[in-house]
């Protein structure tokens, strides 16, 4: 499939003139063609350590993942921020679907691609996931030992939040079955209609009684700070049935078996902090770390340089990609 890529700079963050930026495409093992932005320091040796970045869940590479990728490239890494299957400039149909398997495969496909670049040291590849893609990155690390170092920033476990609701408030068989019934009915209707209803992105305007974290999402996705026309969260959201498979497929089932390095970064005031804290308790080995950022809320780690610990992330990758 020939993808249509936007060549002009259309990111929500300014371009850094110490790095080069190019558009690339690559494919995953399902034959889906993916689109990515590659960032590379202008003053660079022949081969570099590389980092693939994606997230947040429902965002595009022109938002937070691109910001992370560009900043890490300025610090000496070759990086790529990619759009997952079915979203952004990447291929895959129907659009706006999600899958624990295919989304994990998207990360593994970045390792395939990076391993075959002449300017990348194939023994020095890491990944970074933001928000929901933090959990997916951890799952990829559990599956693929080629990944030498993984950072999950302001992580969500998408299986847990879909199956159990926020703060595990819906963690019972009755409520999960109600979700399954609703999804099943929706599928029947959509098969007949040959169309997929969208669930809606971040609510706009924000109701006065909305939880604080919903207000914070709005502050990123629905304002000039982070709005992007291709972003699901900024616009019409996933398909209603888009995340159905996350209900039954535990994403982090084998996290304990990860041998490579993992850094979990979360804000002390983030509503989602429990995802990283609970995962960290399961990880084994002295190359695992949980870093809590004082005062930061969930979306601060999307784009706020006062809170994103880029110095520490750089040191983490420098140490473990060179081991």
C-alpha atoms as a PDB file:
ATOM      1  CA  UNK A   1       0.000   0.000   0.000  1.00  0.00           C
ATOM      2  CA  UNK A   2       1.353   3.420  -0.967  1.00  0.00           C
ATOM      3  CA  UNK A   3       0.951   5.793   1.968  1.00  0.00           C
ATOM      4  CA  UNK A   4       0.295   9.499   1.538  1.00  0.00           C
ATOM      5  CA  UNK A   5       2.740  11.340   3.781  1.00  0.00           C
ATOM      6  CA  UNK A   6       2.640  14.997   4.735  1.00  0.00           C
ATOM      7  CA  UNK A   7       6.041  16.473   3.939  1.00  0.00           C
ATOM      8  CA  UNK A   8       5.649  19.834   5.656  1.00  0.00           C
ATOM      9  CA  UNK A   9       6.349  20.224   9.364  1.00  0.00           C
ATOM     10  CA  UNK A  10       2.954  19.792  11.041  1.00  0.00           C
ATOM     11  CA  UNK A  11       3.996  18.836  14.567  1.00  0.00           C
ATOM     12  CA  UNK A  12       2.618  20.443  17.726  1.00  0.00           C
ATOM     13  CA  UNK A  13       6.197  21.196  18.856  1.00  0.00           C
ATOM     14  CA  UNK A  14       8.882  23.336  17.200  1.00  0.00           C
ATOM     15  CA  UNK A  15      11.553  21.834  14.969  1.00  0.00           C
ATOM     16  CA  UNK A  16      15.046  21.487  16.446  1.00  0.00           C
ATOM     17  CA  UNK A  17      17.734  22.567  14.011  1.00  0.00           C
ATOM     18  CA  UNK A  18      20.420  20.302  15.485  1.00  0.00           C
ATOM     19  CA  UNK A  19      18.707  17.195  14.097  1.00  0.00           C
ATOM     20  CA  UNK A  20      17.565  16.064  10.667  1.00  0.00           C
ATOM     21  CA  UNK A  21      14.013  14.903  10.072  1.00  0.00           C
ATOM     22  CA  UNK A  22      12.865  12.468   7.376  1.00  0.00           C
ATOM     23  CA  UNK A  23       9.682  10.510   6.676  1.00  0.00           C
ATOM     24  CA  UNK A  24       9.989   6.735   6.251  1.00  0.00           C
ATOM     25  CA  UNK A  25       7.676   3.766   5.829  1.00  0.00           C
ATOM     26  CA  UNK A  26       8.108   0.154   6.900  1.00  0.00           C
ATOM     27  CA  UNK A  27       5.869  -2.887   7.288  1.00  0.00           C
ATOM     28  CA  UNK A  28       4.877  -5.187  10.126  1.00  0.00           C
ATOM     29  CA  UNK A  29       4.423  -8.950   9.852  1.00  0.00           C
ATOM     30  CA  UNK A  30       0.743  -8.532   9.022  1.00  0.00           C
ATOM     31  CA  UNK A  31       1.681  -6.605   5.895  1.00  0.00           C
ATOM     32  CA  UNK A  32       0.469  -3.274   7.254  1.00  0.00           C
ATOM     33  CA  UNK A  33       2.561  -0.350   6.044  1.00  0.00           C
ATOM     34  CA  UNK A  34       3.526   2.022   8.839  1.00  0.00           C
ATOM     35  CA  UNK A  35       4.606   5.669   8.687  1.00  0.00           C
ATOM     36  CA  UNK A  36       7.287   7.204  10.871  1.00  0.00           C
ATOM     37  CA  UNK A  37       9.395  10.304  11.402  1.00  0.00           C
ATOM     38  CA  UNK A  38      13.107   9.554  11.764  1.00  0.00           C
ATOM     39  CA  UNK A  39      15.196  12.043  13.735  1.00  0.00           C
ATOM     40  CA  UNK A  40      18.997  11.980  13.590  1.00  0.00           C
ATOM     41  CA  UNK A  41      21.631  14.294  15.061  1.00  0.00           C
ATOM     42  CA  UNK A  42      23.353  16.320  12.358  1.00  0.00           C
ATOM     43  CA  UNK A  43      26.748  15.674  13.917  1.00  0.00           C
ATOM     44  CA  UNK A  44      26.713  11.879  14.209  1.00  0.00           C
ATOM     45  CA  UNK A  45      29.062   8.904  13.854  1.00  0.00           C
ATOM     46  CA  UNK A  46      28.474   6.296  11.149  1.00  0.00           C
ATOM     47  CA  UNK A  47      26.319   4.115  13.397  1.00  0.00           C
ATOM     48  CA  UNK A  48      24.111   5.070  16.314  1.00  0.00           C
ATOM     49  CA  UNK A  49      22.042   3.507  19.060  1.00  0.00           C
ATOM     50  CA  UNK A  50      18.377   3.763  18.082  1.00  0.00           C
ATOM     51  CA  UNK A  51      15.090   4.293  19.921  1.00  0.00           C
ATOM     52  CA  UNK A  52      11.555   3.768  18.573  1.00  0.00           C
ATOM     53  CA  UNK A  53       8.784   5.836  20.176  1.00  0.00           C
ATOM     54  CA  UNK A  54       4.982   5.754  20.132  1.00  0.00           C
ATOM     55  CA  UNK A  55       2.049   6.998  22.162  1.00  0.00           C
ATOM     56  CA  UNK A  56      -0.034   8.162  23.839  1.00  0.00           C
ATOM     57  CA  UNK A  57      -2.889   5.777  23.067  1.00  0.00           C
ATOM     58  CA  UNK A  58      -5.024   7.569  20.506  1.00  0.00           C
ATOM     59  CA  UNK A  59      -2.354  10.134  19.646  1.00  0.00           C
ATOM     60  CA  UNK A  60      -0.196  10.501  16.531  1.00  0.00           C
ATOM     61  CA  UNK A  61       3.532  10.923  15.940  1.00  0.00           C
ATOM     62  CA  UNK A  62       3.113  14.664  15.495  1.00  0.00           C
ATOM     63  CA  UNK A  63       2.273  14.945  19.196  1.00  0.00           C
ATOM     64  CA  UNK A  64       4.054  13.624  22.288  1.00  0.00           C
ATOM     65  CA  UNK A  65       5.982  10.743  20.720  1.00  0.00           C
ATOM     66  CA  UNK A  66       7.568  13.059  18.180  1.00  0.00           C
ATOM     67  CA  UNK A  67       8.590  15.465  20.920  1.00  0.00           C
ATOM     68  CA  UNK A  68      10.332  12.637  22.799  1.00  0.00           C
ATOM     69  CA  UNK A  69      11.962  11.351  19.614  1.00  0.00           C
ATOM     70  CA  UNK A  70      13.314  14.730  18.542  1.00  0.00           C
ATOM     71  CA  UNK A  71      14.683  15.526  21.987  1.00  0.00           C
ATOM     72  CA  UNK A  72      16.456  12.169  22.269  1.00  0.00           C
ATOM     73  CA  UNK A  73      17.904  12.625  18.782  1.00  0.00           C
ATOM     74  CA  UNK A  74      19.309  15.973  19.894  1.00  0.00           C
ATOM     75  CA  UNK A  75      21.013  14.000  22.671  1.00  0.00           C
ATOM     76  CA  UNK A  76      22.776  11.659  20.261  1.00  0.00           C
ATOM     77  CA  UNK A  77      20.395   8.825  19.349  1.00  0.00           C
ATOM     78  CA  UNK A  78      18.765   7.943  16.046  1.00  0.00           C
ATOM     79  CA  UNK A  79      15.074   7.920  16.865  1.00  0.00           C
ATOM     80  CA  UNK A  80      11.793   7.249  15.125  1.00  0.00           C
ATOM     81  CA  UNK A  81       8.278   8.217  16.157  1.00  0.00           C
ATOM     82  CA  UNK A  82       5.679   6.090  14.396  1.00  0.00           C
ATOM     83  CA  UNK A  83       1.944   5.956  13.893  1.00  0.00           C
ATOM     84  CA  UNK A  84       0.455   2.607  14.968  1.00  0.00           C
ATOM     85  CA  UNK A  85      -1.518   0.421  12.599  1.00  0.00           C
ATOM     86  CA  UNK A  86      -4.946   1.808  11.627  1.00  0.00           C
ATOM     87  CA  UNK A  87      -4.129   5.354  12.785  1.00  0.00           C
ATOM     88  CA  UNK A  88      -2.475   8.569  11.630  1.00  0.00           C
ATOM     89  CA  UNK A  89      -0.534   8.276   8.391  1.00  0.00           C
ATOM     90  CA  UNK A  90      -0.042   4.518   8.777  1.00  0.00           C
ATOM     91  CA  UNK A  91      -2.019   1.938   6.845  1.00  0.00           C
ATOM     92  CA  UNK A  92      -4.462  -0.714   7.962  1.00  0.00           C
ATOM     93  CA  UNK A  93      -8.198  -1.060   7.503  1.00  0.00           C
ATOM     94  CA  UNK A  94     -10.738  -0.609   8.882  1.00  0.00           C
ATOM     95  CA  UNK A  95      -9.424   2.551  10.472  1.00  0.00           C
ATOM     96  CA  UNK A  96      -9.252   3.422  14.167  1.00  0.00           C
ATOM     97  CA  UNK A  97      -8.958  -0.122  15.504  1.00  0.00           C
ATOM     98  CA  UNK A  98      -6.628  -1.291  18.297  1.00  0.00           C
ATOM     99  CA  UNK A  99      -5.183  -4.707  19.074  1.00  0.00           C
ATOM    100  CA  UNK A 100      -2.880  -5.970  21.857  1.00  0.00           C
ATOM    101  CA  UNK A 101      -1.213  -8.258  19.333  1.00  0.00           C
ATOM    102  CA  UNK A 102      -0.946  -5.960  16.321  1.00  0.00           C
ATOM    103  CA  UNK A 103       0.072  -2.939  18.404  1.00  0.00           C
ATOM    104  CA  UNK A 104       2.817  -4.970  20.095  1.00  0.00           C
ATOM    105  CA  UNK A 105       3.860  -6.174  16.643  1.00  0.00           C
ATOM    106  CA  UNK A 106       4.121  -2.546  15.532  1.00  0.00           C
ATOM    107  CA  UNK A 107       6.921  -2.055  18.071  1.00  0.00           C
ATOM    108  CA  UNK A 108       8.629  -5.285  17.012  1.00  0.00           C
ATOM    109  CA  UNK A 109       8.443  -4.144  13.385  1.00  0.00           C
ATOM    110  CA  UNK A 110      10.331  -0.970  14.303  1.00  0.00           C
ATOM    111  CA  UNK A 111      13.130  -3.188  15.584  1.00  0.00           C
ATOM    112  CA  UNK A 112      13.074  -5.106  12.281  1.00  0.00           C
ATOM    113  CA  UNK A 113      13.368  -1.843  10.375  1.00  0.00           C
ATOM    114  CA  UNK A 114      15.999  -0.232  12.570  1.00  0.00           C
ATOM    115  CA  UNK A 115      18.116  -3.402  12.603  1.00  0.00           C
ATOM    116  CA  UNK A 116      18.400  -3.158   8.832  1.00  0.00           C
ATOM    117  CA  UNK A 117      19.525   0.476   8.640  1.00  0.00           C
ATOM    118  CA  UNK A 118      23.203   1.009   7.873  1.00  0.00           C
ATOM    119  CA  UNK A 119      23.371   3.891  10.342  1.00  0.00           C
ATOM    120  CA  UNK A 120      22.009   1.868  13.290  1.00  0.00           C
ATOM    121  CA  UNK A 121      23.898  -0.540  15.543  1.00  0.00           C
ATOM    122  CA  UNK A 122      21.479  -3.483  15.615  1.00  0.00           C
ATOM    123  CA  UNK A 123      22.755  -4.486  19.074  1.00  0.00           C
ATOM    124  CA  UNK A 124      21.753  -1.106  20.522  1.00  0.00           C
ATOM    125  CA  UNK A 125      18.012  -0.686  20.015  1.00  0.00           C
ATOM    126  CA  UNK A 126      15.567   0.554  22.628  1.00  0.00           C
ATOM    127  CA  UNK A 127      11.907   1.559  22.675  1.00  0.00           C
ATOM    128  CA  UNK A 128       9.837   4.163  24.488  1.00  0.00           C
ATOM    129  CA  UNK A 129       6.084   4.197  24.999  1.00  0.00           C
ATOM    130  CA  UNK A 130       3.965   7.043  26.349  1.00  0.00           C
ATOM    131  CA  UNK A 131       0.663   6.484  28.190  1.00  0.00           C
ATOM    132  CA  UNK A 132      -1.103   3.394  26.754  1.00  0.00           C
ATOM    133  CA  UNK A 133       1.881   2.730  24.555  1.00  0.00           C
ATOM    134  CA  UNK A 134       3.984   2.443  27.694  1.00  0.00           C
ATOM    135  CA  UNK A 135       2.219  -0.795  28.567  1.00  0.00           C
ATOM    136  CA  UNK A 136       2.495  -1.970  24.973  1.00  0.00           C
ATOM    137  CA  UNK A 137       6.231  -1.201  25.034  1.00  0.00           C
ATOM    138  CA  UNK A 138       6.659  -3.322  28.157  1.00  0.00           C
ATOM    139  CA  UNK A 139       4.788  -6.168  26.464  1.00  0.00           C
ATOM    140  CA  UNK A 140       7.067  -5.835  23.434  1.00  0.00           C
ATOM    141  CA  UNK A 141      10.122  -6.011  25.702  1.00  0.00           C
ATOM    142  CA  UNK A 142       8.777  -9.218  27.252  1.00  0.00           C
ATOM    143  CA  UNK A 143       8.391 -10.722  23.782  1.00  0.00           C
ATOM    144  CA  UNK A 144      11.517  -9.526  21.954  1.00  0.00           C
ATOM    145  CA  UNK A 145      15.010  -9.787  23.520  1.00  0.00           C
ATOM    146  CA  UNK A 146      16.431  -7.650  20.705  1.00  0.00           C
ATOM    147  CA  UNK A 147      15.024  -4.714  22.688  1.00  0.00           C
ATOM    148  CA  UNK A 148      17.848  -3.784  25.042  1.00  0.00           C
ATOM    149  CA  UNK A 149      16.171  -0.990  27.019  1.00  0.00           C
ATOM    150  CA  UNK A 150      12.567   0.148  27.476  1.00  0.00           C
ATOM    151  CA  UNK A 151      11.116   3.365  28.902  1.00  0.00           C
ATOM    152  CA  UNK A 152       7.413   3.592  29.771  1.00  0.00           C
ATOM    153  CA  UNK A 153       6.371   7.165  30.536  1.00  0.00           C
ATOM    154  CA  UNK A 154       3.093   7.915  32.377  1.00  0.00           C
ATOM    155  CA  UNK A 155       2.060   4.328  31.566  1.00  0.00           C
ATOM    156  CA  UNK A 156      -1.407   2.862  31.171  1.00  0.00           C
ATOM    157  CA  UNK A 157      -2.105  -0.871  31.184  1.00  0.00           C
ATOM    158  CA  UNK A 158      -4.758  -0.857  28.448  1.00  0.00           C
ATOM    159  CA  UNK A 159      -5.962  -4.376  29.260  1.00  0.00           C
ATOM    160  CA  UNK A 160      -6.515  -3.520  32.899  1.00  0.00           C
ATOM    161  CA  UNK A 161      -8.302  -0.230  32.306  1.00  0.00           C
ATOM    162  CA  UNK A 162     -10.583  -1.739  29.648  1.00  0.00           C
ATOM    163  CA  UNK A 163     -11.437  -4.819  31.730  1.00  0.00           C
ATOM    164  CA  UNK A 164     -11.547  -3.233  35.184  1.00  0.00           C
ATOM    165  CA  UNK A 165     -12.300   0.435  34.560  1.00  0.00           C
ATOM    166  CA  UNK A 166     -10.409   3.311  36.126  1.00  0.00           C
ATOM    167  CA  UNK A 167      -8.980   2.543  39.566  1.00  0.00           C
ATOM    168  CA  UNK A 168     -10.333  -1.037  39.166  1.00  0.00           C
ATOM    169  CA  UNK A 169     -13.807   0.249  40.038  1.00  0.00           C
ATOM    170  CA  UNK A 170     -15.418  -2.193  37.553  1.00  0.00           C
ATOM    171  CA  UNK A 171     -13.335  -5.245  38.442  1.00  0.00           C
ATOM    172  CA  UNK A 172     -16.116  -7.789  38.605  1.00  0.00           C
ATOM    173  CA  UNK A 173     -17.634 -10.364  36.271  1.00  0.00           C
ATOM    174  CA  UNK A 174     -21.014  -8.621  36.038  1.00  0.00           C
ATOM    175  CA  UNK A 175     -19.639  -5.339  34.711  1.00  0.00           C
ATOM    176  CA  UNK A 176     -17.195  -7.035  32.342  1.00  0.00           C
ATOM    177  CA  UNK A 177     -20.041  -9.126  30.922  1.00  0.00           C
ATOM    178  CA  UNK A 178     -22.123  -5.991  30.442  1.00  0.00           C
ATOM    179  CA  UNK A 179     -19.291  -4.537  28.365  1.00  0.00           C
ATOM    180  CA  UNK A 180     -19.027  -7.730  26.315  1.00  0.00           C
ATOM    181  CA  UNK A 181     -22.772  -7.748  25.626  1.00  0.00           C
ATOM    182  CA  UNK A 182     -22.702  -4.120  24.536  1.00  0.00           C
ATOM    183  CA  UNK A 183     -19.748  -4.788  22.223  1.00  0.00           C
ATOM    184  CA  UNK A 184     -21.425  -7.869  20.756  1.00  0.00           C
ATOM    185  CA  UNK A 185     -24.611  -5.955  19.992  1.00  0.00           C
ATOM    186  CA  UNK A 186     -22.597  -3.121  18.455  1.00  0.00           C
ATOM    187  CA  UNK A 187     -20.759  -5.575  16.171  1.00  0.00           C
ATOM    188  CA  UNK A 188     -24.041  -7.022  14.880  1.00  0.00           C
ATOM    189  CA  UNK A 189     -25.374  -3.568  14.041  1.00  0.00           C
ATOM    190  CA  UNK A 190     -22.150  -2.460  12.365  1.00  0.00           C
ATOM    191  CA  UNK A 191     -21.829  -5.590  10.247  1.00  0.00           C
ATOM    192  CA  UNK A 192     -25.267  -4.888   8.834  1.00  0.00           C
ATOM    193  CA  UNK A 193     -24.502  -1.206   8.298  1.00  0.00           C
ATOM    194  CA  UNK A 194     -20.997  -1.915   6.909  1.00  0.00           C
ATOM    195  CA  UNK A 195     -19.716   1.021   8.899  1.00  0.00           C
ATOM    196  CA  UNK A 196     -18.068   1.598  12.269  1.00  0.00           C
ATOM    197  CA  UNK A 197     -19.299   4.120  14.817  1.00  0.00           C
ATOM    198  CA  UNK A 198     -16.694   6.269  16.557  1.00  0.00           C
ATOM    199  CA  UNK A 199     -16.598   6.427  20.341  1.00  0.00           C
ATOM    200  CA  UNK A 200     -15.689  10.117  20.468  1.00  0.00           C
ATOM    201  CA  UNK A 201     -12.358  11.581  21.542  1.00  0.00           C
ATOM    202  CA  UNK A 202     -11.704  13.753  24.559  1.00  0.00           C
ATOM    203  CA  UNK A 203     -14.973  15.359  25.627  1.00  0.00           C
ATOM    204  CA  UNK A 204     -15.435  18.964  24.540  1.00  0.00           C
ATOM    205  CA  UNK A 205     -16.593  21.091  26.232  1.00  0.00           C
ATOM    206  CA  UNK A 206     -15.616  19.579  29.568  1.00  0.00           C
ATOM    207  CA  UNK A 207     -18.547  19.158  31.986  1.00  0.00           C
ATOM    208  CA  UNK A 208     -18.160  21.086  35.223  1.00  0.00           C
ATOM    209  CA  UNK A 209     -18.226  17.845  37.232  1.00  0.00           C
ATOM    210  CA  UNK A 210     -15.688  16.001  35.052  1.00  0.00           C
ATOM    211  CA  UNK A 211     -12.803  14.315  36.896  1.00  0.00           C
ATOM    212  CA  UNK A 212      -9.644  16.394  37.042  1.00  0.00           C
ATOM    213  CA  UNK A 213      -7.771  14.028  34.730  1.00  0.00           C
ATOM    214  CA  UNK A 214     -10.455  14.469  32.049  1.00  0.00           C
ATOM    215  CA  UNK A 215      -9.934  18.233  32.299  1.00  0.00           C
ATOM    216  CA  UNK A 216      -6.192  17.671  31.940  1.00  0.00           C
ATOM    217  CA  UNK A 217      -6.670  15.546  28.829  1.00  0.00           C
ATOM    218  CA  UNK A 218      -8.763  18.355  27.357  1.00  0.00           C
ATOM    219  CA  UNK A 219      -6.018  20.835  28.137  1.00  0.00           C
ATOM    220  CA  UNK A 220      -3.653  18.818  25.950  1.00  0.00           C
ATOM    221  CA  UNK A 221      -5.735  17.350  23.127  1.00  0.00           C
ATOM    222  CA  UNK A 222      -8.336  20.062  22.582  1.00  0.00           C
ATOM    223  CA  UNK A 223      -6.190  23.191  22.795  1.00  0.00           C
ATOM    224  CA  UNK A 224      -3.333  24.503  20.635  1.00  0.00           C
ATOM    225  CA  UNK A 225      -0.957  22.892  23.135  1.00  0.00           C
ATOM    226  CA  UNK A 226      -1.512  19.440  21.641  1.00  0.00           C
ATOM    227  CA  UNK A 227      -4.398  19.412  19.155  1.00  0.00           C
ATOM    228  CA  UNK A 228      -3.702  17.648  15.861  1.00  0.00           C
ATOM    229  CA  UNK A 229      -6.215  16.969  13.062  1.00  0.00           C
ATOM    230  CA  UNK A 230      -5.130  13.324  12.683  1.00  0.00           C
ATOM    231  CA  UNK A 231      -5.208  12.543  16.397  1.00  0.00           C
ATOM    232  CA  UNK A 232      -8.009  10.246  17.535  1.00  0.00           C
ATOM    233  CA  UNK A 233      -8.095  11.775  21.006  1.00  0.00           C
ATOM    234  CA  UNK A 234      -8.248  15.282  19.541  1.00  0.00           C
ATOM    235  CA  UNK A 235     -11.196  14.347  17.318  1.00  0.00           C
ATOM    236  CA  UNK A 236     -13.650  11.428  17.006  1.00  0.00           C
ATOM    237  CA  UNK A 237     -11.814   8.768  18.999  1.00  0.00           C
ATOM    238  CA  UNK A 238     -11.471   5.042  18.405  1.00  0.00           C
ATOM    239  CA  UNK A 239     -14.211   2.923  16.898  1.00  0.00           C
ATOM    240  CA  UNK A 240     -16.705   1.890  19.572  1.00  0.00           C
ATOM    241  CA  UNK A 241     -15.509  -1.715  19.196  1.00  0.00           C
ATOM    242  CA  UNK A 242     -11.910  -0.655  18.571  1.00  0.00           C
ATOM    243  CA  UNK A 243     -10.497  -1.824  21.907  1.00  0.00           C
ATOM    244  CA  UNK A 244     -12.726  -4.888  22.391  1.00  0.00           C
ATOM    245  CA  UNK A 245      -9.902  -7.433  22.410  1.00  0.00           C
ATOM    246  CA  UNK A 246      -8.197  -5.673  25.323  1.00  0.00           C
ATOM    247  CA  UNK A 247     -11.046  -6.907  27.545  1.00  0.00           C
ATOM    248  CA  UNK A 248      -9.869 -10.512  27.368  1.00  0.00           C
ATOM    249  CA  UNK A 249      -6.154 -10.299  26.602  1.00  0.00           C
ATOM    250  CA  UNK A 250      -3.896  -9.424  29.552  1.00  0.00           C
ATOM    251  CA  UNK A 251      -1.162  -7.248  28.103  1.00  0.00           C
ATOM    252  CA  UNK A 252       1.487  -7.664  30.803  1.00  0.00           C
ATOM    253  CA  UNK A 253       1.140 -11.380  31.524  1.00  0.00           C
ATOM    254  CA  UNK A 254       4.876 -12.117  31.275  1.00  0.00           C
ATOM    255  CA  UNK A 255       6.375  -8.837  32.441  1.00  0.00           C
ATOM    256  CA  UNK A 256       8.253 -10.680  35.210  1.00  0.00           C
ATOM    257  CA  UNK A 257      10.318 -12.471  32.574  1.00  0.00           C
ATOM    258  CA  UNK A 258      11.827  -9.335  31.018  1.00  0.00           C
ATOM    259  CA  UNK A 259      15.607  -9.586  31.304  1.00  0.00           C
ATOM    260  CA  UNK A 260      16.473  -6.274  29.643  1.00  0.00           C
ATOM    261  CA  UNK A 261      16.408  -2.875  31.351  1.00  0.00           C
ATOM    262  CA  UNK A 262      13.099  -1.108  32.074  1.00  0.00           C
ATOM    263  CA  UNK A 263      12.531   2.435  33.335  1.00  0.00           C
ATOM    264  CA  UNK A 264       9.032   3.424  34.470  1.00  0.00           C
ATOM    265  CA  UNK A 265       8.432   7.183  34.794  1.00  0.00           C
ATOM    266  CA  UNK A 266       5.288   8.567  36.402  1.00  0.00           C
ATOM    267  CA  UNK A 267       4.032  11.775  37.990  1.00  0.00           C
ATOM    268  CA  UNK A 268       3.331  11.821  41.712  1.00  0.00           C
ATOM    269  CA  UNK A 269      -0.047  13.489  41.055  1.00  0.00           C
ATOM    270  CA  UNK A 270      -1.040  11.373  38.050  1.00  0.00           C
ATOM    271  CA  UNK A 271      -4.364   9.538  38.277  1.00  0.00           C
ATOM    272  CA  UNK A 272      -2.644   6.666  36.444  1.00  0.00           C
ATOM    273  CA  UNK A 273       0.293   6.291  38.822  1.00  0.00           C
ATOM    274  CA  UNK A 274      -0.951   2.951  40.144  1.00  0.00           C
ATOM    275  CA  UNK A 275      -0.299   1.275  36.778  1.00  0.00           C
ATOM    276  CA  UNK A 276       3.455   1.864  37.021  1.00  0.00           C
ATOM    277  CA  UNK A 277       3.671   1.213  40.751  1.00  0.00           C
ATOM    278  CA  UNK A 278       1.896  -2.147  40.465  1.00  0.00           C
ATOM    279  CA  UNK A 279       3.955  -3.186  37.439  1.00  0.00           C
ATOM    280  CA  UNK A 280       7.227  -2.251  39.132  1.00  0.00           C
ATOM    281  CA  UNK A 281       6.453  -4.635  42.006  1.00  0.00           C
ATOM    282  CA  UNK A 282       6.386  -7.474  39.469  1.00  0.00           C
ATOM    283  CA  UNK A 283       9.592  -6.677  37.599  1.00  0.00           C
ATOM    284  CA  UNK A 284      12.750  -8.582  38.491  1.00  0.00           C
ATOM    285  CA  UNK A 285      16.422  -7.690  38.336  1.00  0.00           C
ATOM    286  CA  UNK A 286      18.618  -4.750  39.291  1.00  0.00           C
ATOM    287  CA  UNK A 287      18.133  -3.130  35.860  1.00  0.00           C
ATOM    288  CA  UNK A 288      14.544  -2.081  36.610  1.00  0.00           C
ATOM    289  CA  UNK A 289      13.650   1.359  37.939  1.00  0.00           C
ATOM    290  CA  UNK A 290      10.565   3.345  38.949  1.00  0.00           C
ATOM    291  CA  UNK A 291      11.020   7.125  38.833  1.00  0.00           C
ATOM    292  CA  UNK A 292       8.265   9.258  40.379  1.00  0.00           C
ATOM    293  CA  UNK A 293       8.283  12.918  39.317  1.00  0.00           C
ATOM    294  CA  UNK A 294       7.164  15.211  42.173  1.00  0.00           C
ATOM    295  CA  UNK A 295       4.159  17.371  41.350  1.00  0.00           C
ATOM    296  CA  UNK A 296       3.575  16.027  37.832  1.00  0.00           C
ATOM    297  CA  UNK A 297       0.119  15.020  36.587  1.00  0.00           C
ATOM    298  CA  UNK A 298      -0.435  12.471  33.817  1.00  0.00           C
ATOM    299  CA  UNK A 299      -0.267  14.825  30.831  1.00  0.00           C
ATOM    300  CA  UNK A 300       2.733  16.753  32.175  1.00  0.00           C
ATOM    301  CA  UNK A 301       4.827  13.869  30.886  1.00  0.00           C
ATOM    302  CA  UNK A 302       3.412  14.357  27.392  1.00  0.00           C
ATOM    303  CA  UNK A 303       5.205  17.622  26.690  1.00  0.00           C
ATOM    304  CA  UNK A 304       6.257  19.546  29.797  1.00  0.00           C
ATOM    305  CA  UNK A 305      10.040  19.917  29.812  1.00  0.00           C
ATOM    306  CA  UNK A 306       9.901  20.993  33.460  1.00  0.00           C
ATOM    307  CA  UNK A 307       8.753  17.480  34.360  1.00  0.00           C
ATOM    308  CA  UNK A 308       9.953  15.031  31.686  1.00  0.00           C
ATOM    309  CA  UNK A 309      13.293  13.730  33.044  1.00  0.00           C
ATOM    310  CA  UNK A 310      15.161  13.776  29.743  1.00  0.00           C
ATOM    311  CA  UNK A 311      18.566  13.826  31.433  1.00  0.00           C
ATOM    312  CA  UNK A 312      17.757  10.646  33.324  1.00  0.00           C
ATOM    313  CA  UNK A 313      16.199   8.973  30.277  1.00  0.00           C
ATOM    314  CA  UNK A 314      19.314   9.796  28.256  1.00  0.00           C
ATOM    315  CA  UNK A 315      21.546   8.318  30.963  1.00  0.00           C
ATOM    316  CA  UNK A 316      19.378   5.200  31.140  1.00  0.00           C
ATOM    317  CA  UNK A 317      19.613   4.546  27.407  1.00  0.00           C
ATOM    318  CA  UNK A 318      23.317   5.395  27.290  1.00  0.00           C
ATOM    319  CA  UNK A 319      24.022   2.875  30.041  1.00  0.00           C
ATOM    320  CA  UNK A 320      21.874  -0.028  28.917  1.00  0.00           C
ATOM    321  CA  UNK A 321      22.137   0.266  25.142  1.00  0.00           C
ATOM    322  CA  UNK A 322      25.915   0.115  25.534  1.00  0.00           C
ATOM    323  CA  UNK A 323      25.988  -2.872  27.901  1.00  0.00           C
END
